[in-house]
N, C-alpha and C. Protein backbone atom coordinates (compact mmCIF):
# COMPACT_ATOMS: atom_id res chain seq x y z
N MET A 1 0.82 -1.16 0.10
CA MET A 1 -0.09 0.14 -0.31
C MET A 1 0.77 1.16 0.01
N LYS A 2 0.53 2.11 -0.99
CA LYS A 2 1.23 3.28 -1.07
C LYS A 2 0.97 4.26 0.27
N GLN A 3 2.05 5.18 0.65
CA GLN A 3 1.62 5.84 1.43
C GLN A 3 2.19 7.54 1.00
N THR A 4 1.23 8.06 0.60
CA THR A 4 1.68 9.45 0.00
C THR A 4 1.10 10.66 0.77
N GLU A 5 1.83 11.78 0.79
CA GLU A 5 1.28 13.01 1.54
C GLU A 5 1.15 14.22 0.27
N ILE A 6 0.46 15.18 0.73
CA ILE A 6 -0.12 16.45 0.08
C ILE A 6 0.95 17.53 0.29
N ALA A 7 0.96 18.17 -0.64
CA ALA A 7 1.99 19.40 -0.60
C ALA A 7 1.05 20.25 -1.57
N THR A 8 0.91 21.89 -1.11
CA THR A 8 0.06 22.48 -2.08
C THR A 8 1.02 23.95 -1.99
N PHE A 9 1.20 24.13 -3.37
CA PHE A 9 2.10 25.66 -3.45
C PHE A 9 1.35 26.61 -4.59
N ALA A 10 1.43 27.85 -4.43
CA ALA A 10 1.01 28.64 -5.19
C ALA A 10 2.42 29.44 -5.44
N ALA A 11 2.60 29.64 -7.10
CA ALA A 11 3.71 30.20 -7.63
C ALA A 11 3.66 30.90 -9.10
N GLY A 12 2.48 31.84 -8.80
CA GLY A 12 2.39 32.77 -10.09
C GLY A 12 1.37 31.76 -10.87
N CYS A 13 1.38 31.75 -12.43
CA CYS A 13 0.46 30.92 -13.03
C CYS A 13 0.46 29.07 -12.87
N PHE A 14 -0.28 28.76 -12.66
CA PHE A 14 -0.43 27.16 -12.50
C PHE A 14 0.27 26.44 -13.46
N TRP A 15 -0.15 26.73 -14.86
CA TRP A 15 0.57 26.26 -16.10
C TRP A 15 1.83 26.16 -16.10
N CYS A 16 2.47 27.23 -15.33
CA CYS A 16 4.08 27.06 -15.28
C CYS A 16 5.03 26.43 -14.35
N ILE A 17 3.91 25.59 -13.32
CA ILE A 17 4.70 24.77 -12.22
C ILE A 17 4.11 23.42 -12.23
N GLU A 18 2.94 23.26 -12.77
CA GLU A 18 2.28 21.96 -12.63
C GLU A 18 3.19 21.01 -13.67
N SER A 19 3.50 21.26 -14.61
CA SER A 19 4.32 20.57 -15.69
C SER A 19 5.58 20.17 -15.30
N ALA A 20 6.34 21.01 -14.37
CA ALA A 20 7.76 20.74 -13.97
C ALA A 20 7.49 19.60 -12.57
N PHE A 21 6.53 20.20 -11.65
CA PHE A 21 6.27 18.92 -10.60
C PHE A 21 5.95 17.74 -11.10
N ASN A 22 5.13 17.58 -12.21
CA ASN A 22 4.82 16.29 -12.76
C ASN A 22 5.53 15.40 -13.19
N GLN A 23 7.02 16.17 -13.37
CA GLN A 23 8.21 15.34 -13.94
C GLN A 23 9.02 14.87 -12.96
N LEU A 24 8.73 15.50 -11.78
CA LEU A 24 9.51 14.59 -10.47
C LEU A 24 9.31 13.11 -10.08
N LYS A 25 10.45 12.30 -9.94
CA LYS A 25 10.20 11.17 -9.30
C LYS A 25 9.44 11.17 -8.00
N GLY A 26 8.54 10.41 -7.64
CA GLY A 26 8.05 10.59 -6.38
C GLY A 26 6.51 11.02 -6.34
N VAL A 27 6.40 12.38 -7.40
CA VAL A 27 5.22 13.15 -7.28
C VAL A 27 4.15 12.36 -8.43
N GLU A 28 3.02 11.58 -7.44
CA GLU A 28 2.18 10.77 -8.14
C GLU A 28 1.22 11.50 -9.14
N LYS A 29 0.87 12.92 -8.78
CA LYS A 29 0.24 13.86 -9.56
C LYS A 29 0.29 14.99 -9.11
N ALA A 30 0.15 16.06 -10.11
CA ALA A 30 0.16 17.79 -9.90
C ALA A 30 -0.99 18.13 -10.60
N VAL A 31 -2.17 18.64 -9.61
CA VAL A 31 -3.23 19.06 -10.12
C VAL A 31 -3.52 20.68 -10.04
N SER A 32 -3.76 21.38 -10.90
CA SER A 32 -3.95 22.76 -11.09
C SER A 32 -4.99 23.15 -10.24
N GLY A 33 -5.30 24.11 -9.57
CA GLY A 33 -6.49 24.78 -8.73
C GLY A 33 -6.29 25.79 -8.09
N TYR A 34 -7.18 26.26 -7.07
CA TYR A 34 -7.39 27.33 -6.12
C TYR A 34 -7.60 27.09 -4.63
N MET A 35 -6.96 28.05 -4.20
CA MET A 35 -6.99 27.76 -2.59
C MET A 35 -6.82 29.13 -1.90
N GLY A 36 -7.11 29.22 -0.93
CA GLY A 36 -6.91 30.37 -0.11
C GLY A 36 -7.79 31.48 0.05
N GLY A 37 -9.04 31.17 -0.66
CA GLY A 37 -9.95 32.53 -0.56
C GLY A 37 -11.37 31.96 0.08
N GLN A 38 -12.06 33.14 -0.08
CA GLN A 38 -13.59 33.03 0.55
C GLN A 38 -14.46 32.68 -0.24
N THR A 39 -14.15 32.63 -1.73
CA THR A 39 -15.50 31.94 -2.61
C THR A 39 -15.39 30.49 -2.59
N LEU A 40 -16.53 29.98 -2.65
CA LEU A 40 -16.87 28.82 -2.69
C LEU A 40 -16.94 28.16 -4.26
N ASN A 41 -16.27 27.18 -4.47
CA ASN A 41 -16.30 26.37 -5.57
C ASN A 41 -16.02 27.56 -7.00
N PRO A 42 -14.80 28.20 -6.85
CA PRO A 42 -14.70 29.32 -7.90
C PRO A 42 -14.39 28.72 -8.86
N ASP A 43 -14.36 29.65 -10.09
CA ASP A 43 -13.87 29.06 -11.38
C ASP A 43 -12.97 30.00 -11.89
N TYR A 44 -12.44 29.68 -13.08
CA TYR A 44 -10.90 30.46 -13.73
C TYR A 44 -11.74 31.85 -13.93
N ARG A 45 -12.90 32.11 -14.52
CA ARG A 45 -13.21 33.57 -14.53
C ARG A 45 -13.27 34.51 -13.38
N GLN A 46 -13.82 33.90 -12.25
CA GLN A 46 -13.75 34.18 -11.19
C GLN A 46 -12.37 34.78 -10.44
N ILE A 47 -11.38 33.96 -10.70
CA ILE A 47 -10.10 34.03 -9.88
C ILE A 47 -9.41 35.18 -10.74
N CYS A 48 -9.60 35.33 -11.90
CA CYS A 48 -9.32 36.20 -12.96
C CYS A 48 -9.55 37.70 -12.60
N THR A 49 -10.52 37.75 -11.72
CA THR A 49 -10.86 39.11 -11.25
C THR A 49 -10.03 39.74 -10.00
N GLY A 50 -9.62 38.65 -9.32
CA GLY A 50 -8.89 38.92 -8.28
C GLY A 50 -9.67 39.31 -7.11
N THR A 51 -10.81 39.04 -6.88
CA THR A 51 -11.50 39.47 -5.74
C THR A 51 -11.97 38.20 -4.95
N THR A 52 -11.49 37.12 -5.43
CA THR A 52 -11.75 35.83 -4.72
C THR A 52 -11.10 35.46 -3.40
N GLY A 53 -10.00 36.01 -3.51
CA GLY A 53 -8.78 35.70 -2.68
C GLY A 53 -8.35 34.56 -2.75
N HIS A 54 -8.68 33.64 -3.52
CA HIS A 54 -7.65 32.54 -4.04
C HIS A 54 -6.56 32.57 -4.70
N ALA A 55 -5.53 31.88 -4.54
CA ALA A 55 -4.39 31.99 -5.30
C ALA A 55 -4.57 30.64 -6.58
N GLU A 56 -3.82 30.95 -7.70
CA GLU A 56 -3.72 29.58 -8.39
C GLU A 56 -2.74 28.63 -7.58
N VAL A 57 -3.21 27.62 -7.75
CA VAL A 57 -2.27 26.67 -6.79
C VAL A 57 -1.70 25.44 -7.85
N VAL A 58 -0.92 24.83 -7.18
CA VAL A 58 -0.70 23.37 -7.90
C VAL A 58 -0.42 22.11 -6.60
N GLN A 59 -1.58 21.48 -6.58
CA GLN A 59 -1.68 20.37 -5.29
C GLN A 59 -1.02 19.20 -5.62
N LEU A 60 -0.12 18.71 -5.01
CA LEU A 60 0.89 17.50 -5.27
C LEU A 60 0.46 16.68 -4.27
N GLU A 61 0.47 15.24 -5.03
CA GLU A 61 0.35 13.96 -4.42
C GLU A 61 1.92 13.59 -4.50
N PHE A 62 2.50 13.12 -3.07
CA PHE A 62 4.14 12.65 -3.69
C PHE A 62 4.17 11.80 -2.52
N ASP A 63 5.25 10.83 -2.82
CA ASP A 63 5.75 9.68 -2.29
C ASP A 63 6.81 10.25 -1.29
N PRO A 64 6.89 10.52 0.07
CA PRO A 64 7.94 11.02 0.70
C PRO A 64 9.25 10.12 0.72
N ARG A 65 8.76 9.05 0.41
CA ARG A 65 10.00 7.58 0.49
C ARG A 65 11.01 8.15 -0.92
N LEU A 66 10.37 8.60 -2.00
CA LEU A 66 11.13 9.07 -3.16
C LEU A 66 11.63 10.31 -3.61
N ILE A 67 10.70 11.22 -2.97
CA ILE A 67 11.11 12.70 -2.80
C ILE A 67 10.42 13.45 -1.55
N SER A 68 11.29 14.19 -1.17
CA SER A 68 10.88 14.54 0.21
C SER A 68 10.45 16.26 0.22
N PHE A 69 9.58 16.59 1.50
CA PHE A 69 8.72 17.95 1.10
C PHE A 69 9.93 19.15 1.01
N GLU A 70 10.92 18.90 1.66
CA GLU A 70 12.31 20.00 1.65
C GLU A 70 12.93 19.84 0.18
N GLN A 71 12.82 18.76 -0.64
CA GLN A 71 13.24 18.91 -2.03
C GLN A 71 12.20 19.28 -2.96
N LEU A 72 10.75 19.18 -2.60
CA LEU A 72 9.92 19.82 -3.43
C LEU A 72 10.10 21.50 -3.37
N LEU A 73 10.43 22.05 -2.15
CA LEU A 73 10.51 23.30 -1.89
C LEU A 73 11.64 23.81 -2.30
N GLN A 74 12.77 23.17 -2.65
CA GLN A 74 13.72 23.58 -3.37
C GLN A 74 13.60 23.98 -4.60
N VAL A 75 12.52 23.03 -5.18
CA VAL A 75 12.14 23.05 -6.71
C VAL A 75 11.15 24.27 -6.76
N LEU A 76 10.34 24.34 -5.58
CA LEU A 76 9.31 25.65 -5.96
C LEU A 76 10.21 27.13 -5.76
N TRP A 77 11.49 26.91 -4.86
CA TRP A 77 12.26 28.56 -5.18
C TRP A 77 12.59 28.44 -6.80
N PHE A 78 13.08 27.58 -7.18
CA PHE A 78 13.67 27.56 -8.53
C PHE A 78 12.68 27.87 -9.46
N LEU A 79 11.15 27.42 -9.42
CA LEU A 79 10.46 27.69 -10.42
C LEU A 79 9.57 29.41 -10.56
N HIS A 80 10.17 29.81 -9.56
CA HIS A 80 9.31 31.19 -9.38
C HIS A 80 10.42 32.48 -8.71
N ASP A 81 9.61 33.53 -8.52
CA ASP A 81 10.60 34.43 -7.89
C ASP A 81 9.59 34.83 -6.61
N PRO A 82 10.11 34.42 -5.67
CA PRO A 82 9.44 34.47 -4.44
C PRO A 82 9.41 35.85 -3.57
N THR A 83 10.35 36.81 -4.52
CA THR A 83 10.26 38.38 -3.91
C THR A 83 9.56 39.24 -4.53
N GLN A 84 8.58 38.44 -5.47
CA GLN A 84 7.70 39.42 -5.96
C GLN A 84 6.02 39.37 -5.47
N LEU A 85 5.61 40.26 -4.87
CA LEU A 85 4.27 40.57 -4.19
C LEU A 85 3.33 40.58 -5.13
N ASN A 86 2.20 39.32 -5.32
CA ASN A 86 1.13 39.49 -6.08
C ASN A 86 1.49 39.28 -7.33
N ARG A 87 2.51 38.62 -7.85
CA ARG A 87 2.56 38.77 -9.35
C ARG A 87 3.87 37.57 -9.57
N GLN A 88 3.96 37.25 -10.98
CA GLN A 88 5.07 36.66 -11.38
C GLN A 88 5.31 37.05 -13.01
N GLY A 89 6.40 37.79 -13.21
CA GLY A 89 6.28 38.47 -14.59
C GLY A 89 5.41 39.40 -14.94
N ASN A 90 4.52 38.86 -15.99
CA ASN A 90 3.67 39.86 -16.43
C ASN A 90 2.35 39.48 -15.93
N ASP A 91 2.04 38.44 -14.99
CA ASP A 91 1.04 38.05 -14.23
C ASP A 91 1.04 38.71 -13.22
N VAL A 92 -0.10 39.53 -12.81
CA VAL A 92 -0.17 40.45 -11.83
C VAL A 92 -1.55 40.42 -10.92
N GLY A 93 -1.70 40.07 -10.04
CA GLY A 93 -2.67 39.98 -9.18
C GLY A 93 -2.76 38.94 -7.75
N THR A 94 -3.27 39.45 -6.73
CA THR A 94 -3.36 38.39 -5.59
C THR A 94 -3.55 36.77 -6.09
N GLN A 95 -4.01 36.66 -7.19
CA GLN A 95 -4.27 35.20 -7.70
C GLN A 95 -3.01 34.70 -8.13
N TYR A 96 -1.74 35.34 -8.09
CA TYR A 96 -0.50 35.00 -8.75
C TYR A 96 0.57 35.24 -7.59
N ARG A 97 0.27 35.34 -6.27
CA ARG A 97 0.87 35.35 -5.11
C ARG A 97 1.61 33.94 -4.71
N SER A 98 2.87 34.16 -4.16
CA SER A 98 3.72 33.16 -3.73
C SER A 98 3.29 32.55 -2.40
N ALA A 99 2.90 31.42 -2.47
CA ALA A 99 2.43 30.71 -0.84
C ALA A 99 2.72 29.16 -0.74
N ILE A 100 2.93 28.96 0.21
CA ILE A 100 2.68 27.58 0.70
C ILE A 100 1.88 27.12 1.53
N PHE A 101 0.97 26.29 1.50
CA PHE A 101 -0.24 25.79 2.11
C PHE A 101 0.10 24.82 2.88
N TYR A 102 0.50 24.65 3.97
CA TYR A 102 0.78 23.60 4.41
C TYR A 102 0.01 22.47 5.06
N HIS A 103 0.41 21.28 5.06
CA HIS A 103 -0.57 20.16 5.45
C HIS A 103 -0.54 19.35 6.72
N SER A 104 0.64 19.95 7.53
CA SER A 104 1.12 19.61 8.72
C SER A 104 1.98 20.37 9.67
N ASP A 105 1.97 20.05 10.75
CA ASP A 105 2.80 20.84 11.74
C ASP A 105 4.55 20.56 11.21
N GLU A 106 4.81 19.54 10.53
CA GLU A 106 5.95 19.27 10.34
C GLU A 106 6.25 20.08 9.00
N GLN A 107 5.39 20.20 7.87
CA GLN A 107 5.49 20.97 6.64
C GLN A 107 5.71 22.42 7.25
N HIS A 108 4.73 22.81 7.88
CA HIS A 108 4.88 24.23 8.59
C HIS A 108 6.31 24.76 8.84
N GLN A 109 6.54 23.71 9.71
CA GLN A 109 8.10 23.99 10.10
C GLN A 109 9.30 24.05 9.01
N GLN A 110 9.12 23.11 8.36
CA GLN A 110 10.25 22.91 7.23
C GLN A 110 10.11 23.87 6.30
N ALA A 111 8.78 24.56 5.67
CA ALA A 111 8.40 25.70 5.16
C ALA A 111 9.20 27.14 5.60
N LEU A 112 9.17 27.06 6.79
CA LEU A 112 9.86 28.39 7.84
C LEU A 112 11.04 28.25 7.47
N THR A 113 11.84 26.93 7.78
CA THR A 113 13.19 26.89 7.54
C THR A 113 13.75 27.05 6.21
N SER A 114 12.90 26.58 5.31
CA SER A 114 13.28 26.82 3.92
C SER A 114 13.28 27.99 3.35
N ILE A 115 12.50 28.81 3.82
CA ILE A 115 12.37 30.49 3.59
C ILE A 115 13.49 30.98 3.72
N GLN A 116 13.93 30.73 5.11
CA GLN A 116 15.02 31.32 5.95
C GLN A 116 16.37 30.95 4.93
N ALA A 117 16.34 29.80 4.77
CA ALA A 117 17.71 29.05 3.84
C ALA A 117 17.44 29.79 2.34
N ALA A 118 16.62 29.88 1.89
CA ALA A 118 16.15 30.28 0.56
C ALA A 118 16.34 31.90 0.68
N GLY A 119 16.49 32.79 1.46
CA GLY A 119 16.45 34.15 1.64
C GLY A 119 17.81 34.52 1.27
N ALA A 120 18.80 33.58 1.30
CA ALA A 120 20.38 33.93 1.10
C ALA A 120 20.39 33.76 -0.79
N LEU A 121 19.66 33.24 -1.18
CA LEU A 121 19.53 33.07 -2.67
C LEU A 121 19.09 34.08 -3.42
N PHE A 122 18.26 35.20 -2.60
CA PHE A 122 17.75 36.26 -3.52
C PHE A 122 18.35 37.80 -3.00
N ASP A 123 18.18 38.59 -3.82
CA ASP A 123 18.46 40.13 -3.23
C ASP A 123 17.56 40.65 -2.55
N LEU A 124 16.45 40.43 -3.04
CA LEU A 124 15.10 40.91 -1.79
C LEU A 124 14.48 40.02 -1.34
N PRO A 125 13.91 40.61 -0.06
CA PRO A 125 13.21 39.65 0.81
C PRO A 125 12.07 38.80 -0.19
N ILE A 126 12.22 37.50 0.75
CA ILE A 126 10.92 36.58 0.12
C ILE A 126 9.53 36.90 0.72
N VAL A 127 8.73 37.14 -0.02
CA VAL A 127 7.31 37.44 0.35
C VAL A 127 6.29 36.09 0.25
N THR A 128 6.78 35.08 0.28
CA THR A 128 5.80 33.94 0.27
C THR A 128 5.25 33.68 1.54
N GLU A 129 3.72 33.57 1.33
CA GLU A 129 2.80 33.35 2.62
C GLU A 129 3.23 31.90 2.95
N VAL A 130 3.14 31.74 4.10
CA VAL A 130 2.74 30.36 4.75
C VAL A 130 1.60 30.23 5.44
N ARG A 131 0.87 29.37 4.96
CA ARG A 131 -0.58 29.09 5.60
C ARG A 131 -0.92 27.80 5.71
N ALA A 132 -2.11 27.48 6.68
CA ALA A 132 -2.38 26.28 6.58
C ALA A 132 -3.39 26.04 5.57
N ALA A 133 -3.12 24.92 4.99
CA ALA A 133 -3.89 24.43 3.81
C ALA A 133 -5.56 24.53 4.15
N VAL A 134 -6.21 25.05 3.06
CA VAL A 134 -7.78 24.86 3.40
C VAL A 134 -8.41 24.11 2.42
N THR A 135 -9.57 24.58 1.78
CA THR A 135 -10.36 23.70 0.78
C THR A 135 -9.44 24.04 -0.44
N PHE A 136 -9.15 22.72 -1.33
CA PHE A 136 -8.78 23.04 -2.69
C PHE A 136 -9.80 22.65 -3.54
N TYR A 137 -9.76 23.39 -4.59
CA TYR A 137 -10.67 23.41 -5.49
C TYR A 137 -10.01 23.10 -6.97
N PRO A 138 -10.05 22.02 -7.66
CA PRO A 138 -9.39 21.73 -8.91
C PRO A 138 -9.76 22.57 -9.77
N ALA A 139 -8.96 23.22 -10.94
CA ALA A 139 -9.35 23.80 -11.75
C ALA A 139 -9.91 23.11 -12.88
N GLU A 140 -10.53 24.01 -13.77
CA GLU A 140 -11.25 23.33 -14.90
C GLU A 140 -10.55 22.51 -15.56
N GLU A 141 -11.26 21.19 -16.13
CA GLU A 141 -10.17 20.19 -16.91
C GLU A 141 -9.28 20.64 -17.78
N TYR A 142 -9.97 21.69 -18.76
CA TYR A 142 -8.86 22.11 -19.66
C TYR A 142 -7.46 23.08 -18.98
N HIS A 143 -7.34 23.23 -17.88
CA HIS A 143 -6.32 23.89 -17.24
C HIS A 143 -5.41 22.59 -16.93
N GLN A 144 -5.69 21.27 -16.66
CA GLN A 144 -5.23 19.90 -16.07
C GLN A 144 -3.83 19.94 -17.52
N GLY A 145 -2.69 19.80 -17.01
CA GLY A 145 -1.87 19.49 -18.25
C GLY A 145 -1.68 20.34 -19.36
N TYR A 146 -2.11 21.54 -19.14
CA TYR A 146 -2.41 22.61 -20.00
C TYR A 146 -1.12 22.52 -20.41
N TYR A 147 0.33 22.66 -20.44
CA TYR A 147 1.19 23.06 -21.26
C TYR A 147 1.49 21.93 -22.05
N LEU A 148 1.60 20.40 -21.79
CA LEU A 148 1.38 19.01 -22.66
C LEU A 148 0.58 19.56 -23.60
N GLN A 149 -0.64 19.99 -23.33
CA GLN A 149 -1.52 20.24 -24.52
C GLN A 149 -1.63 21.29 -25.41
N ASN A 150 -0.43 22.46 -24.95
CA ASN A 150 -0.57 23.63 -25.96
C ASN A 150 0.63 24.13 -25.82
N THR A 151 1.73 23.08 -26.09
CA THR A 151 3.10 23.69 -26.45
C THR A 151 3.37 24.61 -27.40
N ASN A 152 2.52 24.73 -28.31
CA ASN A 152 2.82 25.56 -29.44
C ASN A 152 2.03 27.20 -29.01
N GLN A 153 1.27 27.08 -28.10
CA GLN A 153 0.73 28.43 -27.56
C GLN A 153 1.78 29.40 -27.44
N PRO A 154 1.79 30.72 -27.70
CA PRO A 154 2.93 31.66 -27.43
C PRO A 154 3.24 31.74 -25.90
N TYR A 155 2.37 31.89 -24.88
CA TYR A 155 2.62 31.98 -23.65
C TYR A 155 3.36 30.67 -23.15
N CYS A 156 3.27 29.62 -23.79
CA CYS A 156 3.59 28.18 -23.26
C CYS A 156 5.38 28.37 -24.01
N GLN A 157 5.37 29.11 -25.20
CA GLN A 157 6.64 29.01 -26.01
C GLN A 157 7.59 29.95 -25.26
N PHE A 158 7.30 31.14 -24.93
CA PHE A 158 8.03 31.89 -24.47
C PHE A 158 8.24 32.01 -23.13
N LEU A 159 7.43 31.52 -22.00
CA LEU A 159 7.63 31.33 -20.66
C LEU A 159 7.75 29.93 -20.02
N ILE A 160 6.85 29.26 -20.55
CA ILE A 160 7.23 27.74 -19.91
C ILE A 160 8.24 26.66 -20.38
N THR A 161 8.30 26.69 -21.47
CA THR A 161 9.44 25.98 -22.25
C THR A 161 10.79 26.20 -21.83
N PRO A 162 11.02 27.56 -21.76
CA PRO A 162 12.46 27.42 -21.79
C PRO A 162 12.61 27.56 -19.89
N LYS A 163 11.44 27.81 -19.28
CA LYS A 163 11.77 27.36 -17.61
C LYS A 163 11.98 26.07 -17.31
N LEU A 164 10.97 25.23 -18.30
CA LEU A 164 11.23 23.62 -18.20
C LEU A 164 12.79 23.27 -18.75
N ALA A 165 13.36 23.60 -19.76
CA ALA A 165 14.60 23.50 -20.11
C ALA A 165 15.58 23.62 -19.07
N LYS A 166 15.60 24.80 -18.44
CA LYS A 166 16.71 25.08 -17.19
C LYS A 166 16.30 24.29 -15.98
N PHE A 167 15.01 23.86 -15.97
CA PHE A 167 14.59 23.05 -14.49
C PHE A 167 14.94 21.54 -15.06
N ARG A 168 15.03 21.11 -16.02
CA ARG A 168 15.30 19.83 -16.26
C ARG A 168 16.98 19.73 -16.24
N GLN A 169 17.56 20.54 -16.53
CA GLN A 169 19.07 20.37 -16.39
C GLN A 169 19.58 20.66 -14.98
N THR A 170 18.69 21.45 -14.09
CA THR A 170 18.96 21.87 -12.91
C THR A 170 18.97 20.58 -11.70
N PHE A 171 17.56 19.95 -12.26
CA PHE A 171 17.00 18.80 -11.32
C PHE A 171 17.08 17.31 -12.04
N VAL A 172 18.20 17.26 -12.67
CA VAL A 172 18.21 15.77 -13.70
C VAL A 172 18.05 14.61 -12.55
N SER A 173 18.76 14.58 -11.37
CA SER A 173 18.53 13.74 -10.42
C SER A 173 17.28 13.36 -9.80
N LEU A 174 16.55 14.15 -10.07
CA LEU A 174 15.17 13.95 -9.49
C LEU A 174 13.95 13.56 -10.26
N LEU A 175 14.16 13.86 -11.47
CA LEU A 175 13.67 13.40 -12.79
C LEU A 175 13.03 11.97 -12.94
N LYS A 176 11.52 11.98 -13.48
CA LYS A 176 11.07 10.79 -13.78
C LYS A 176 12.00 10.10 -14.99
N VAL A 177 12.30 8.83 -15.06
CA VAL A 177 12.76 8.69 -16.30
C VAL A 177 12.24 8.22 -17.52
C-alpha cells in the first residue's frame, strides 16, 4: 500500500509549475487549482478578477520515500521568484501570489526553515505566505496538463518551455526516467 502526502504551492500561473512538478520522481500527480480565498467553488473567470481571495495553486500527491517535502520546496524556489508580491512576471494580481499551504505541523516548520535558507539566494526579501491548507478546488479540466496540450501556444513557448528546459538541467537526479 502506497503512503503518499499532499503539498500545495502557489507560484504564479499554475500552468508554469504543474508541468515541472509532474516530471519529478515520487510525485504521483500535480493538479492545478485554487486555494486560500473565501469564494466557494470558484472558477477561472472568477479567479481572474482577483476578488475571490484564492491563489492559483498546484496540489501535489507525492511519495515521501522517493522525494521529500524539502526537495519539493527547493524546486518551488527554483520555479518562481518569491520576492515578487502578488505577481510573477507579467501575471499580476493576488491570484498569482507566492504561497506554501502546509498540511501538517512538520510541513509548516520545514516551510519556515526553507524560506530562511532560501533568503540567501535572493537579493530582495522573500514574500511567500505560509498558511495552513484549506479547501482545494481543482481547476477546470482544460487547465490540467495545459502545457503538454498547448506547447505551441505563445505563452507556453516563451515562458514555460525555457523554464522547463532550465528546470530539467538543474534537477536531473529528481526527474522521472
